PDB file of N, CA and C in Angstrom:
ATOM      1  N   MET A   1      -3.425   2.508   6.785  1.00  0.00           N
ATOM      2  CA  MET A   1      -2.357   1.561   6.958  1.00  0.00           C
ATOM      3  C   MET A   1      -2.244   1.225   8.442  1.00  0.00           C
ATOM      4  N   ALA A   2      -1.937  -0.032   8.720  1.00  0.00           N
ATOM      5  CA  ALA A   2      -1.786  -0.484  10.105  1.00  0.00           C
ATOM      6  C   ALA A   2      -0.667  -1.516  10.161  1.00  0.00           C
ATOM      7  N   VAL A   3      -0.092  -1.677  11.348  1.00  0.00           N
ATOM      8  CA  VAL A   3       0.966  -2.659  11.562  1.00  0.00           C
ATOM      9  C   VAL A   3       0.562  -3.574  12.708  1.00  0.00           C
ATOM     10  N   LYS A   4       0.689  -4.869  12.493  1.00  0.00           N
ATOM     11  CA  LYS A   4       0.449  -5.855  13.545  1.00  0.00           C
ATOM     12  C   LYS A   4       1.809  -6.363  14.008  1.00  0.00           C
ATOM     13  N   GLN A   5       2.125  -6.141  15.269  1.00  0.00           N
ATOM     14  CA  GLN A   5       3.364  -6.668  15.832  1.00  0.00           C
ATOM     15  C   GLN A   5       3.208  -8.168  16.036  1.00  0.00           C
ATOM     16  N   LEU A   6       4.281  -8.893  15.820  1.00  0.00           N
ATOM     17  CA  LEU A   6       4.235 -10.350  15.887  1.00  0.00           C
ATOM     18  C   LEU A   6       4.914 -10.859  17.147  1.00  0.00           C
ATOM     19  N   ILE A   7       4.417 -11.976  17.639  1.00  0.00           N
ATOM     20  CA  ILE A   7       5.019 -12.641  18.796  1.00  0.00           C
ATOM     21  C   ILE A   7       5.781 -13.847  18.286  1.00  0.00           C
ATOM     22  N   GLU A   8       7.038 -13.940  18.676  1.00  0.00           N
ATOM     23  CA  GLU A   8       7.862 -15.072  18.277  1.00  0.00           C
ATOM     24  C   GLU A   8       7.953 -16.046  19.445  1.00  0.00           C
ATOM     25  N   HIS A   9       7.604 -17.289  19.194  1.00  0.00           N
ATOM     26  CA  HIS A   9       7.673 -18.346  20.198  1.00  0.00           C
ATOM     27  C   HIS A   9       8.925 -19.174  19.912  1.00  0.00           C
ATOM     28  N   CYS A  10       9.873 -19.179  20.845  1.00  0.00           N
ATOM     29  CA  CYS A  10      11.160 -19.844  20.644  1.00  0.00           C
ATOM     30  C   CYS A  10      11.374 -20.938  21.686  1.00  0.00           C
ATOM     31  N   ASP A  11      12.035 -21.993  21.261  1.00  0.00           N
ATOM     32  CA  ASP A  11      12.548 -23.000  22.188  1.00  0.00           C
ATOM     33  C   ASP A  11      13.766 -23.657  21.531  1.00  0.00           C
ATOM     34  N   GLU A  12      14.247 -24.733  22.092  1.00  0.00           N
ATOM     35  CA  GLU A  12      15.460 -25.370  21.588  1.00  0.00           C
ATOM     36  C   GLU A  12      15.306 -25.944  20.171  1.00  0.00           C
ATOM     37  N   ARG A  13      14.069 -26.092  19.705  1.00  0.00           N
ATOM     38  CA  ARG A  13      13.825 -26.643  18.363  1.00  0.00           C
ATOM     39  C   ARG A  13      13.816 -25.591  17.272  1.00  0.00           C
ATOM     40  N   GLY A  14      13.643 -24.314  17.646  1.00  0.00           N
ATOM     41  CA  GLY A  14      13.547 -23.238  16.660  1.00  0.00           C
ATOM     42  C   GLY A  14      12.545 -22.189  17.098  1.00  0.00           C
ATOM     43  N   TRP A  15      11.813 -21.604  16.157  1.00  0.00           N
ATOM     44  CA  TRP A  15      10.845 -20.558  16.481  1.00  0.00           C
ATOM     45  C   TRP A  15       9.627 -20.644  15.569  1.00  0.00           C
ATOM     46  N   PHE A  16       8.554 -19.956  15.996  1.00  0.00           N
ATOM     47  CA  PHE A  16       7.277 -19.925  15.289  1.00  0.00           C
ATOM     48  C   PHE A  16       6.691 -18.529  15.439  1.00  0.00           C
ATOM     49  N   LYS A  17       6.187 -17.948  14.336  1.00  0.00           N
ATOM     50  CA  LYS A  17       5.464 -16.671  14.363  1.00  0.00           C
ATOM     51  C   LYS A  17       4.117 -16.873  13.694  1.00  0.00           C
ATOM     52  N   GLU A  18       3.070 -16.530  14.389  1.00  0.00           N
ATOM     53  CA  GLU A  18       1.730 -16.542  13.806  1.00  0.00           C
ATOM     54  C   GLU A  18       1.550 -15.206  13.097  1.00  0.00           C
ATOM     55  N   LEU A  19       1.378 -15.233  11.775  1.00  0.00           N
ATOM     56  CA  LEU A  19       1.323 -13.998  11.010  1.00  0.00           C
ATOM     57  C   LEU A  19      -0.077 -13.393  10.964  1.00  0.00           C
ATOM     58  N   ILE A  20      -1.041 -14.141  10.464  1.00  0.00           N
ATOM     59  CA  ILE A  20      -2.416 -13.643  10.335  1.00  0.00           C
ATOM     60  C   ILE A  20      -3.370 -14.758  10.718  1.00  0.00           C
ATOM     61  N   ARG A  21      -4.407 -14.392  11.449  1.00  0.00           N
ATOM     62  CA  ARG A  21      -5.473 -15.337  11.810  1.00  0.00           C
ATOM     63  C   ARG A  21      -6.784 -14.843  11.221  1.00  0.00           C
ATOM     64  N   ALA A  22      -7.650 -15.750  10.878  1.00  0.00           N
ATOM     65  CA  ALA A  22      -8.961 -15.385  10.332  1.00  0.00           C
ATOM     66  C   ALA A  22      -9.773 -14.558  11.328  1.00  0.00           C
ATOM     67  N   ASP A  23      -9.537 -14.750  12.633  1.00  0.00           N
ATOM     68  CA  ASP A  23     -10.302 -14.008  13.641  1.00  0.00           C
ATOM     69  C   ASP A  23      -9.599 -12.735  14.131  1.00  0.00           C
ATOM     70  N   ASP A  24      -8.499 -12.324  13.482  1.00  0.00           N
ATOM     71  CA  ASP A  24      -7.840 -11.043  13.802  1.00  0.00           C
ATOM     72  C   ASP A  24      -8.724  -9.881  13.368  1.00  0.00           C
ATOM     73  N   ASP A  25      -8.846  -8.860  14.206  1.00  0.00           N
ATOM     74  CA  ASP A  25      -9.501  -7.617  13.780  1.00  0.00           C
ATOM     75  C   ASP A  25      -8.733  -7.004  12.610  1.00  0.00           C
ATOM     76  N   PHE A  26      -7.475  -7.302  12.530  1.00  0.00           N
ATOM     77  CA  PHE A  26      -6.546  -6.805  11.533  1.00  0.00           C
ATOM     78  C   PHE A  26      -6.810  -7.414  10.142  1.00  0.00           C
ATOM     79  N   PHE A  27      -7.511  -8.552  10.104  1.00  0.00           N
ATOM     80  CA  PHE A  27      -7.719  -9.301   8.863  1.00  0.00           C
ATOM     81  C   PHE A  27      -9.161  -9.160   8.390  1.00  0.00           C
ATOM     82  N   GLU A  28      -9.369  -9.255   7.070  1.00  0.00           N
ATOM     83  CA  GLU A  28     -10.705  -9.100   6.491  1.00  0.00           C
ATOM     84  C   GLU A  28     -11.178 -10.360   5.780  1.00  0.00           C
ATOM     85  N   GLU A  29     -10.502 -10.713   4.699  1.00  0.00           N
ATOM     86  CA  GLU A  29     -10.883 -11.890   3.938  1.00  0.00           C
ATOM     87  C   GLU A  29      -9.676 -12.364   3.143  1.00  0.00           C
ATOM     88  N   PHE A  30      -9.686 -13.627   2.761  1.00  0.00           N
ATOM     89  CA  PHE A  30      -8.569 -14.194   2.029  1.00  0.00           C
ATOM     90  C   PHE A  30      -8.837 -14.205   0.545  1.00  0.00           C
ATOM     91  N   GLY A  31      -7.846 -13.759  -0.231  1.00  0.00           N
ATOM     92  CA  GLY A  31      -7.927 -13.842  -1.677  1.00  0.00           C
ATOM     93  C   GLY A  31      -6.787 -14.651  -2.252  1.00  0.00           C
ATOM     94  N   GLN A  32      -5.563 -14.363  -1.783  1.00  0.00           N
ATOM     95  CA  GLN A  32      -4.394 -15.017  -2.360  1.00  0.00           C
ATOM     96  C   GLN A  32      -3.206 -14.883  -1.418  1.00  0.00           C
ATOM     97  N   LEU A  33      -2.337 -15.890  -1.417  1.00  0.00           N
ATOM     98  CA  LEU A  33      -1.056 -15.849  -0.714  1.00  0.00           C
ATOM     99  C   LEU A  33       0.041 -15.923  -1.763  1.00  0.00           C
ATOM    100  N   SER A  34       0.986 -14.974  -1.733  1.00  0.00           N
ATOM    101  CA  SER A  34       2.055 -14.931  -2.725  1.00  0.00           C
ATOM    102  C   SER A  34       3.395 -14.741  -2.040  1.00  0.00           C
ATOM    103  N   LEU A  35       4.452 -15.189  -2.714  1.00  0.00           N
ATOM    104  CA  LEU A  35       5.816 -14.996  -2.248  1.00  0.00           C
ATOM    105  C   LEU A  35       6.580 -14.330  -3.378  1.00  0.00           C
ATOM    106  N   SER A  36       7.275 -13.258  -3.056  1.00  0.00           N
ATOM    107  CA  SER A  36       8.047 -12.510  -4.037  1.00  0.00           C
ATOM    108  C   SER A  36       9.410 -12.217  -3.440  1.00  0.00           C
ATOM    109  N   ALA A  37      10.402 -11.974  -4.276  1.00  0.00           N
ATOM    110  CA  ALA A  37      11.720 -11.546  -3.799  1.00  0.00           C
ATOM    111  C   ALA A  37      12.154 -10.346  -4.627  1.00  0.00           C
ATOM    112  N   VAL A  38      12.826  -9.430  -3.978  1.00  0.00           N
ATOM    113  CA  VAL A  38      13.345  -8.244  -4.643  1.00  0.00           C
ATOM    114  C   VAL A  38      14.830  -8.140  -4.289  1.00  0.00           C
ATOM    115  N   TYR A  39      15.614  -7.646  -5.242  1.00  0.00           N
ATOM    116  CA  TYR A  39      17.059  -7.559  -5.058  1.00  0.00           C
ATOM    117  C   TYR A  39      17.497  -6.144  -4.670  1.00  0.00           C
ATOM    118  N   ARG A  40      18.710  -6.042  -4.123  1.00  0.00           N
ATOM    119  CA  ARG A  40      19.251  -4.774  -3.611  1.00  0.00           C
ATOM    120  C   ARG A  40      19.030  -3.622  -4.601  1.00  0.00           C
ATOM    121  N   ASP A  41      18.555  -2.517  -4.043  1.00  0.00           N
ATOM    122  CA  ASP A  41      18.335  -1.241  -4.737  1.00  0.00           C
ATOM    123  C   ASP A  41      17.222  -1.260  -5.782  1.00  0.00           C
ATOM    124  N   VAL A  42      16.514  -2.379  -5.937  1.00  0.00           N
ATOM    125  CA  VAL A  42      15.365  -2.412  -6.848  1.00  0.00           C
ATOM    126  C   VAL A  42      14.189  -1.707  -6.181  1.00  0.00           C
ATOM    127  N   VAL A  43      13.504  -0.877  -6.952  1.00  0.00           N
ATOM    128  CA  VAL A  43      12.318  -0.167  -6.475  1.00  0.00           C
ATOM    129  C   VAL A  43      11.100  -0.747  -7.175  1.00  0.00           C
ATOM    130  N   LYS A  44      10.086  -1.082  -6.398  1.00  0.00           N
ATOM    131  CA  LYS A  44       8.793  -1.503  -6.940  1.00  0.00           C
ATOM    132  C   LYS A  44       7.761  -0.508  -6.417  1.00  0.00           C
ATOM    133  N   ALA A  45       7.335   0.413  -7.292  1.00  0.00           N
ATOM    134  CA  ALA A  45       6.399   1.451  -6.876  1.00  0.00           C
ATOM    135  C   ALA A  45       5.864   2.133  -8.130  1.00  0.00           C
ATOM    136  N   TRP A  46       4.989   2.946  -8.032  1.00  0.00           N
ATOM    137  CA  TRP A  46       3.838   3.117  -7.186  1.00  0.00           C
ATOM    138  C   TRP A  46       2.683   2.361  -7.816  1.00  0.00           C
ATOM    139  N   HIS A  47       1.843   1.804  -6.990  1.00  0.00           N
ATOM    140  CA  HIS A  47       0.562   1.287  -7.464  1.00  0.00           C
ATOM    141  C   HIS A  47      -0.398   1.239  -6.289  1.00  0.00           C
ATOM    142  N   TYR A  48      -1.675   1.042  -6.596  1.00  0.00           N
ATOM    143  CA  TYR A  48      -2.701   0.939  -5.555  1.00  0.00           C
ATOM    144  C   TYR A  48      -3.805   0.028  -6.055  1.00  0.00           C
ATOM    145  N   HIS A  49      -4.703  -0.314  -5.152  1.00  0.00           N
ATOM    146  CA  HIS A  49      -5.842  -1.160  -5.488  1.00  0.00           C
ATOM    147  C   HIS A  49      -7.122  -0.416  -5.135  1.00  0.00           C
ATOM    148  N   VAL A  50      -8.124  -0.586  -5.956  1.00  0.00           N
ATOM    149  CA  VAL A  50      -9.412   0.071  -5.721  1.00  0.00           C
ATOM    150  C   VAL A  50     -10.189  -0.643  -4.617  1.00  0.00           C
ATOM    151  N   GLU A  51     -10.157  -1.984  -4.598  1.00  0.00           N
ATOM    152  CA  GLU A  51     -10.936  -2.748  -3.614  1.00  0.00           C
ATOM    153  C   GLU A  51     -10.086  -3.666  -2.745  1.00  0.00           C
ATOM    154  N   GLN A  52      -8.925  -4.027  -3.175  1.00  0.00           N
ATOM    155  CA  GLN A  52      -8.114  -5.053  -2.512  1.00  0.00           C
ATOM    156  C   GLN A  52      -7.277  -4.496  -1.363  1.00  0.00           C
ATOM    157  N   THR A  53      -7.230  -5.230  -0.270  1.00  0.00           N
ATOM    158  CA  THR A  53      -6.316  -4.960   0.837  1.00  0.00           C
ATOM    159  C   THR A  53      -5.132  -5.906   0.710  1.00  0.00           C
ATOM    160  N   ASP A  54      -3.931  -5.398   0.998  1.00  0.00           N
ATOM    161  CA  ASP A  54      -2.715  -6.214   1.022  1.00  0.00           C
ATOM    162  C   ASP A  54      -2.207  -6.308   2.459  1.00  0.00           C
ATOM    163  N   TRP A  55      -1.595  -7.432   2.769  1.00  0.00           N
ATOM    164  CA  TRP A  55      -0.845  -7.598   4.011  1.00  0.00           C
ATOM    165  C   TRP A  55       0.551  -8.050   3.615  1.00  0.00           C
ATOM    166  N   TRP A  56       1.594  -7.361   4.088  1.00  0.00           N
ATOM    167  CA  TRP A  56       2.976  -7.643   3.710  1.00  0.00           C
ATOM    168  C   TRP A  56       3.764  -8.149   4.900  1.00  0.00           C
ATOM    169  N   TYR A  57       4.625  -9.117   4.644  1.00  0.00           N
ATOM    170  CA  TYR A  57       5.587  -9.574   5.654  1.00  0.00           C
ATOM    171  C   TYR A  57       6.926  -9.826   4.971  1.00  0.00           C
ATOM    172  N   VAL A  58       7.973  -9.167   5.439  1.00  0.00           N
ATOM    173  CA  VAL A  58       9.324  -9.371   4.928  1.00  0.00           C
ATOM    174  C   VAL A  58       9.925 -10.560   5.674  1.00  0.00           C
ATOM    175  N   VAL A  59      10.224 -11.620   4.943  1.00  0.00           N
ATOM    176  CA  VAL A  59      10.718 -12.864   5.526  1.00  0.00           C
ATOM    177  C   VAL A  59      12.185 -12.756   5.910  1.00  0.00           C
ATOM    178  N   TYR A  60      12.970 -12.058   5.099  1.00  0.00           N
ATOM    179  CA  TYR A  60      14.409 -11.936   5.305  1.00  0.00           C
ATOM    180  C   TYR A  60      14.863 -10.626   4.675  1.00  0.00           C
ATOM    181  N   GLY A  61      15.849  -9.986   5.254  1.00  0.00           N
ATOM    182  CA  GLY A  61      16.383  -8.765   4.678  1.00  0.00           C
ATOM    183  C   GLY A  61      15.609  -7.539   5.123  1.00  0.00           C
ATOM    184  N   GLU A  62      15.669  -6.493   4.287  1.00  0.00           N
ATOM    185  CA  GLU A  62      15.090  -5.217   4.682  1.00  0.00           C
ATOM    186  C   GLU A  62      14.653  -4.426   3.459  1.00  0.00           C
ATOM    187  N   VAL A  63      13.485  -3.816   3.558  1.00  0.00           N
ATOM    188  CA  VAL A  63      13.011  -2.910   2.511  1.00  0.00           C
ATOM    189  C   VAL A  63      12.588  -1.593   3.156  1.00  0.00           C
ATOM    190  N   LEU A  64      12.723  -0.527   2.394  1.00  0.00           N
ATOM    191  CA  LEU A  64      12.182   0.765   2.794  1.00  0.00           C
ATOM    192  C   LEU A  64      10.859   0.907   2.058  1.00  0.00           C
ATOM    193  N   ALA A  65       9.767   0.921   2.794  1.00  0.00           N
ATOM    194  CA  ALA A  65       8.428   0.982   2.210  1.00  0.00           C
ATOM    195  C   ALA A  65       7.875   2.400   2.312  1.00  0.00           C
ATOM    196  N   ALA A  66       7.090   2.781   1.318  1.00  0.00           N
ATOM    197  CA  ALA A  66       6.457   4.096   1.302  1.00  0.00           C
ATOM    198  C   ALA A  66       4.982   3.937   0.969  1.00  0.00           C
ATOM    199  N   PHE A  67       4.171   4.781   1.617  1.00  0.00           N
ATOM    200  CA  PHE A  67       2.718   4.729   1.458  1.00  0.00           C
ATOM    201  C   PHE A  67       2.191   6.152   1.309  1.00  0.00           C
ATOM    202  N   TYR A  68       1.349   6.377   0.300  1.00  0.00           N
ATOM    203  CA  TYR A  68       0.732   7.680   0.069  1.00  0.00           C
ATOM    204  C   TYR A  68      -0.777   7.486   0.080  1.00  0.00           C
ATOM    205  N   ASP A  69      -1.461   8.211   0.966  1.00  0.00           N
ATOM    206  CA  ASP A  69      -2.897   8.042   1.126  1.00  0.00           C
ATOM    207  C   ASP A  69      -3.657   8.900   0.116  1.00  0.00           C
ATOM    208  N   ALA A  70      -4.290   8.244  -0.855  1.00  0.00           N
ATOM    209  CA  ALA A  70      -5.059   8.936  -1.891  1.00  0.00           C
ATOM    210  C   ALA A  70      -6.566   8.886  -1.613  1.00  0.00           C
ATOM    211  N   ARG A  71      -6.941   8.510  -0.383  1.00  0.00           N
ATOM    212  CA  ARG A  71      -8.365   8.418  -0.023  1.00  0.00           C
ATOM    213  C   ARG A  71      -8.843   9.781   0.455  1.00  0.00           C
ATOM    214  N   SER A  72      -9.527  10.517  -0.407  1.00  0.00           N
ATOM    215  CA  SER A  72      -9.900  11.910  -0.139  1.00  0.00           C
ATOM    216  C   SER A  72     -10.902  12.075   0.995  1.00  0.00           C
ATOM    217  N   THR A  73     -11.536  11.013   1.437  1.00  0.00           N
ATOM    218  CA  THR A  73     -12.538  11.109   2.499  1.00  0.00           C
ATOM    219  C   THR A  73     -11.937  10.964   3.899  1.00  0.00           C
ATOM    220  N   LEU A  74     -10.637  10.747   3.998  1.00  0.00           N
ATOM    221  CA  LEU A  74     -10.009  10.527   5.307  1.00  0.00           C
ATOM    222  C   LEU A  74      -9.101  11.682   5.704  1.00  0.00           C
ATOM    223  N   LEU A  75      -8.881  11.826   7.002  1.00  0.00           N
ATOM    224  CA  LEU A  75      -7.998  12.878   7.512  1.00  0.00           C
ATOM    225  C   LEU A  75      -6.547  12.682   7.079  1.00  0.00           C
ATOM    226  N   THR A  76      -6.182  11.466   6.721  1.00  0.00           N
ATOM    227  CA  THR A  76      -4.812  11.173   6.301  1.00  0.00           C
ATOM    228  C   THR A  76      -4.596  11.404   4.802  1.00  0.00           C
ATOM    229  N   TYR A  77      -5.579  11.975   4.131  1.00  0.00           N
ATOM    230  CA  TYR A  77      -5.505  12.246   2.700  1.00  0.00           C
ATOM    231  C   TYR A  77      -4.233  13.029   2.366  1.00  0.00           C
ATOM    232  N   LYS A  78      -3.497  12.589   1.373  1.00  0.00           N
ATOM    233  CA  LYS A  78      -2.254  13.179   0.874  1.00  0.00           C
ATOM    234  C   LYS A  78      -1.068  13.027   1.833  1.00  0.00           C
ATOM    235  N   GLU A  79      -1.213  12.242   2.886  1.00  0.00           N
ATOM    236  CA  GLU A  79      -0.089  11.999   3.784  1.00  0.00           C
ATOM    237  C   GLU A  79       0.774  10.868   3.241  1.00  0.00           C
ATOM    238  N   THR A  80       2.095  11.008   3.429  1.00  0.00           N
ATOM    239  CA  THR A  80       3.050   9.980   3.053  1.00  0.00           C
ATOM    240  C   THR A  80       3.720   9.439   4.306  1.00  0.00           C
ATOM    241  N   VAL A  81       3.818   8.124   4.383  1.00  0.00           N
ATOM    242  CA  VAL A  81       4.480   7.455   5.507  1.00  0.00           C
ATOM    243  C   VAL A  81       5.546   6.534   4.923  1.00  0.00           C
ATOM    244  N   THR A  82       6.725   6.558   5.521  1.00  0.00           N
ATOM    245  CA  THR A  82       7.767   5.602   5.143  1.00  0.00           C
ATOM    246  C   THR A  82       8.140   4.794   6.373  1.00  0.00           C
ATOM    247  N   MET A  83       8.528   3.562   6.151  1.00  0.00           N
ATOM    248  CA  MET A  83       8.966   2.716   7.259  1.00  0.00           C
ATOM    249  C   MET A  83       9.881   1.622   6.744  1.00  0.00           C
ATOM    250  N   THR A  84      10.776   1.196   7.612  1.00  0.00           N
ATOM    251  CA  THR A  84      11.665   0.088   7.295  1.00  0.00           C
ATOM    252  C   THR A  84      10.985  -1.203   7.705  1.00  0.00           C
ATOM    253  N   LEU A  85      10.914  -2.145   6.770  1.00  0.00           N
ATOM    254  CA  LEU A  85      10.302  -3.441   7.043  1.00  0.00           C
ATOM    255  C   LEU A  85      11.371  -4.520   7.004  1.00  0.00           C
ATOM    256  N   ASN A  86      11.322  -5.396   7.988  1.00  0.00           N
ATOM    257  CA  ASN A  86      12.218  -6.540   8.103  1.00  0.00           C
ATOM    258  C   ASN A  86      11.464  -7.616   8.874  1.00  0.00           C
ATOM    259  N   PRO A  87      12.047  -8.778   9.141  1.00  0.00           N
ATOM    260  CA  PRO A  87      11.292  -9.829   9.822  1.00  0.00           C
ATOM    261  C   PRO A  87      10.757  -9.444  11.205  1.00  0.00           C
ATOM    262  N   ASN A  88      11.339  -8.445  11.833  1.00  0.00           N
ATOM    263  CA  ASN A  88      10.889  -8.025  13.162  1.00  0.00           C
ATOM    264  C   ASN A  88       9.899  -6.867  13.143  1.00  0.00           C
ATOM    265  N   ALA A  89       9.576  -6.357  11.967  1.00  0.00           N
ATOM    266  CA  ALA A  89       8.715  -5.178  11.868  1.00  0.00           C
ATOM    267  C   ALA A  89       7.231  -5.493  11.955  1.00  0.00           C
ATOM    268  N   GLY A  90       6.857  -6.756  11.871  1.00  0.00           N
ATOM    269  CA  GLY A  90       5.447  -7.126  11.921  1.00  0.00           C
ATOM    270  C   GLY A  90       4.842  -7.211  10.530  1.00  0.00           C
ATOM    271  N   ILE A  91       3.526  -7.298  10.501  1.00  0.00           N
ATOM    272  CA  ILE A  91       2.762  -7.366   9.254  1.00  0.00           C
ATOM    273  C   ILE A  91       2.196  -5.980   8.976  1.00  0.00           C
ATOM    274  N   VAL A  92       2.339  -5.504   7.752  1.00  0.00           N
ATOM    275  CA  VAL A  92       1.789  -4.205   7.373  1.00  0.00           C
ATOM    276  C   VAL A  92       0.528  -4.436   6.552  1.00  0.00           C
ATOM    277  N   LYS A  93      -0.529  -3.760   6.949  1.00  0.00           N
ATOM    278  CA  LYS A  93      -1.804  -3.823   6.234  1.00  0.00           C
ATOM    279  C   LYS A  93      -1.924  -2.578   5.359  1.00  0.00           C
ATOM    280  N   VAL A  94      -2.110  -2.786   4.052  1.00  0.00           N
ATOM    281  CA  VAL A  94      -2.223  -1.683   3.100  1.00  0.00           C
ATOM    282  C   VAL A  94      -3.648  -1.673   2.558  1.00  0.00           C
ATOM    283  N   PRO A  95      -4.468  -0.703   2.973  1.00  0.00           N
ATOM    284  CA  PRO A  95      -5.866  -0.676   2.532  1.00  0.00           C
ATOM    285  C   PRO A  95      -6.022  -0.180   1.103  1.00  0.00           C
ATOM    286  N   PRO A  96      -7.183  -0.431   0.508  1.00  0.00           N
ATOM    287  CA  PRO A  96      -7.468   0.102  -0.825  1.00  0.00           C
ATOM    288  C   PRO A  96      -7.311   1.623  -0.835  1.00  0.00           C
ATOM    289  N   GLY A  97      -6.817   2.152  -1.952  1.00  0.00           N
ATOM    290  CA  GLY A  97      -6.683   3.601  -2.092  1.00  0.00           C
ATOM    291  C   GLY A  97      -5.382   4.167  -1.556  1.00  0.00           C
ATOM    292  N   VAL A  98      -4.521   3.331  -1.006  1.00  0.00           N
ATOM    293  CA  VAL A  98      -3.223   3.789  -0.524  1.00  0.00           C
ATOM    294  C   VAL A  98      -2.160   3.343  -1.527  1.00  0.00           C
ATOM    295  N   LEU A  99      -1.524   4.309  -2.175  1.00  0.00           N
ATOM    296  CA  LEU A  99      -0.441   3.992  -3.097  1.00  0.00           C
ATOM    297  C   LEU A  99       0.725   3.454  -2.286  1.00  0.00           C
ATOM    298  N   HIS A 100       1.419   2.443  -2.832  1.00  0.00           N
ATOM    299  CA  HIS A 100       2.478   1.821  -2.057  1.00  0.00           C
ATOM    300  C   HIS A 100       3.598   1.314  -2.952  1.00  0.00           C
ATOM    301  N   GLY A 101       4.755   1.197  -2.326  1.00  0.00           N
ATOM    302  CA  GLY A 101       5.919   0.685  -3.017  1.00  0.00           C
ATOM    303  C   GLY A 101       7.056   0.515  -2.033  1.00  0.00           C
ATOM    304  N   TYR A 102       8.163  -0.032  -2.528  1.00  0.00           N
ATOM    305  CA  TYR A 102       9.299  -0.250  -1.636  1.00  0.00           C
ATOM    306  C   TYR A 102      10.594  -0.351  -2.421  1.00  0.00           C
ATOM    307  N   LYS A 103      11.705  -0.189  -1.691  1.00  0.00           N
ATOM    308  CA  LYS A 103      13.050  -0.330  -2.233  1.00  0.00           C
ATOM    309  C   LYS A 103      13.804  -1.307  -1.349  1.00  0.00           C
ATOM    310  N   CYS A 104      14.455  -2.280  -1.968  1.00  0.00           N
ATOM    311  CA  CYS A 104      15.215  -3.268  -1.213  1.00  0.00           C
ATOM    312  C   CYS A 104      16.515  -2.650  -0.714  1.00  0.00           C
ATOM    313  N   LYS A 105      16.776  -2.773   0.572  1.00  0.00           N
ATOM    314  CA  LYS A 105      17.982  -2.215   1.187  1.00  0.00           C
ATOM    315  C   LYS A 105      19.015  -3.286   1.519  1.00  0.00           C
ATOM    316  N   SER A 106      18.670  -4.544   1.395  1.00  0.00           N
ATOM    317  CA  SER A 106      19.594  -5.646   1.688  1.00  0.00           C
ATOM    318  C   SER A 106      19.954  -6.354   0.374  1.00  0.00           C
ATOM    319  N   GLU A 107      20.744  -7.403   0.456  1.00  0.00           N
ATOM    320  CA  GLU A 107      21.121  -8.148  -0.746  1.00  0.00           C
ATOM    321  C   GLU A 107      19.887  -8.610  -1.518  1.00  0.00           C
ATOM    322  N   TYR A 108      18.924  -9.139  -0.802  1.00  0.00           N
ATOM    323  CA  TYR A 108      17.615  -9.459  -1.360  1.00  0.00           C
ATOM    324  C   TYR A 108      16.618  -9.529  -0.203  1.00  0.00           C
ATOM    325  N   ALA A 109      15.343  -9.506  -0.535  1.00  0.00           N
ATOM    326  CA  ALA A 109      14.311  -9.550   0.497  1.00  0.00           C
ATOM    327  C   ALA A 109      13.104 -10.327  -0.022  1.00  0.00           C
ATOM    328  N   PRO A 110      12.920 -11.568   0.456  1.00  0.00           N
ATOM    329  CA  PRO A 110      11.687 -12.273   0.139  1.00  0.00           C
ATOM    330  C   PRO A 110      10.526 -11.681   0.944  1.00  0.00           C
ATOM    331  N   MET A 111       9.375 -11.529   0.290  1.00  0.00           N
ATOM    332  CA  MET A 111       8.203 -10.956   0.941  1.00  0.00           C
ATOM    333  C   MET A 111       6.996 -11.846   0.728  1.00  0.00           C
ATOM    334  N   LEU A 112       6.240 -12.074   1.802  1.00  0.00           N
ATOM    335  CA  LEU A 112       4.951 -12.755   1.707  1.00  0.00           C
ATOM    336  C   LEU A 112       3.871 -11.702   1.573  1.00  0.00           C
ATOM    337  N   TYR A 113       2.939 -11.930   0.647  1.00  0.00           N
ATOM    338  CA  TYR A 113       1.787 -11.061   0.457  1.00  0.00           C
ATOM    339  C   TYR A 113       0.521 -11.875   0.645  1.00  0.00           C
ATOM    340  N   VAL A 114      -0.378 -11.365   1.426  1.00  0.00           N
ATOM    341  CA  VAL A 114      -1.736 -11.890   1.450  1.00  0.00           C
ATOM    342  C   VAL A 114      -2.609 -10.786   0.884  1.00  0.00           C
ATOM    343  N   THR A 115      -3.523 -11.147   0.000  1.00  0.00           N
ATOM    344  CA  THR A 115      -4.446 -10.167  -0.559  1.00  0.00           C
ATOM    345  C   THR A 115      -5.884 -10.611  -0.307  1.00  0.00           C
ATOM    346  N   SER A 116      -6.767  -9.627  -0.254  1.00  0.00           N
ATOM    347  CA  SER A 116      -8.170  -9.904   0.042  1.00  0.00           C
ATOM    348  C   SER A 116      -8.973 -10.270  -1.200  1.00  0.00           C
ATOM    349  N   LYS A 117      -8.492  -9.963  -2.368  1.00  0.00           N
ATOM    350  CA  LYS A 117      -9.251 -10.213  -3.613  1.00  0.00           C
ATOM    351  C   LYS A 117      -8.382 -10.962  -4.590  1.00  0.00           C
TER     352      LYS A 117
END
């Protein structure tokens, strides 16, 4: 799992954040762009992908995300990481083999997902 911090460009007209670029070391390949929303106290967990990488961005609100590394070939095997995700938390990259899920902590939280497959 990795996090890409985002730069916000602001002026009198508003703001702009570049989320993912094709030439980012952080990015691999494009499969799909999705938008989802989750409501307060709803939990969406656990699942993982065998080949697919996910990139998550919380557009509004806040979720508590959890990640469990089931990749037995890595030093992080069986480690669990939790983190709070919100619009300022950056983009989270979830590699294949990492179980993941989240709980909405705000009224609702729209999330953008990019997937590699």
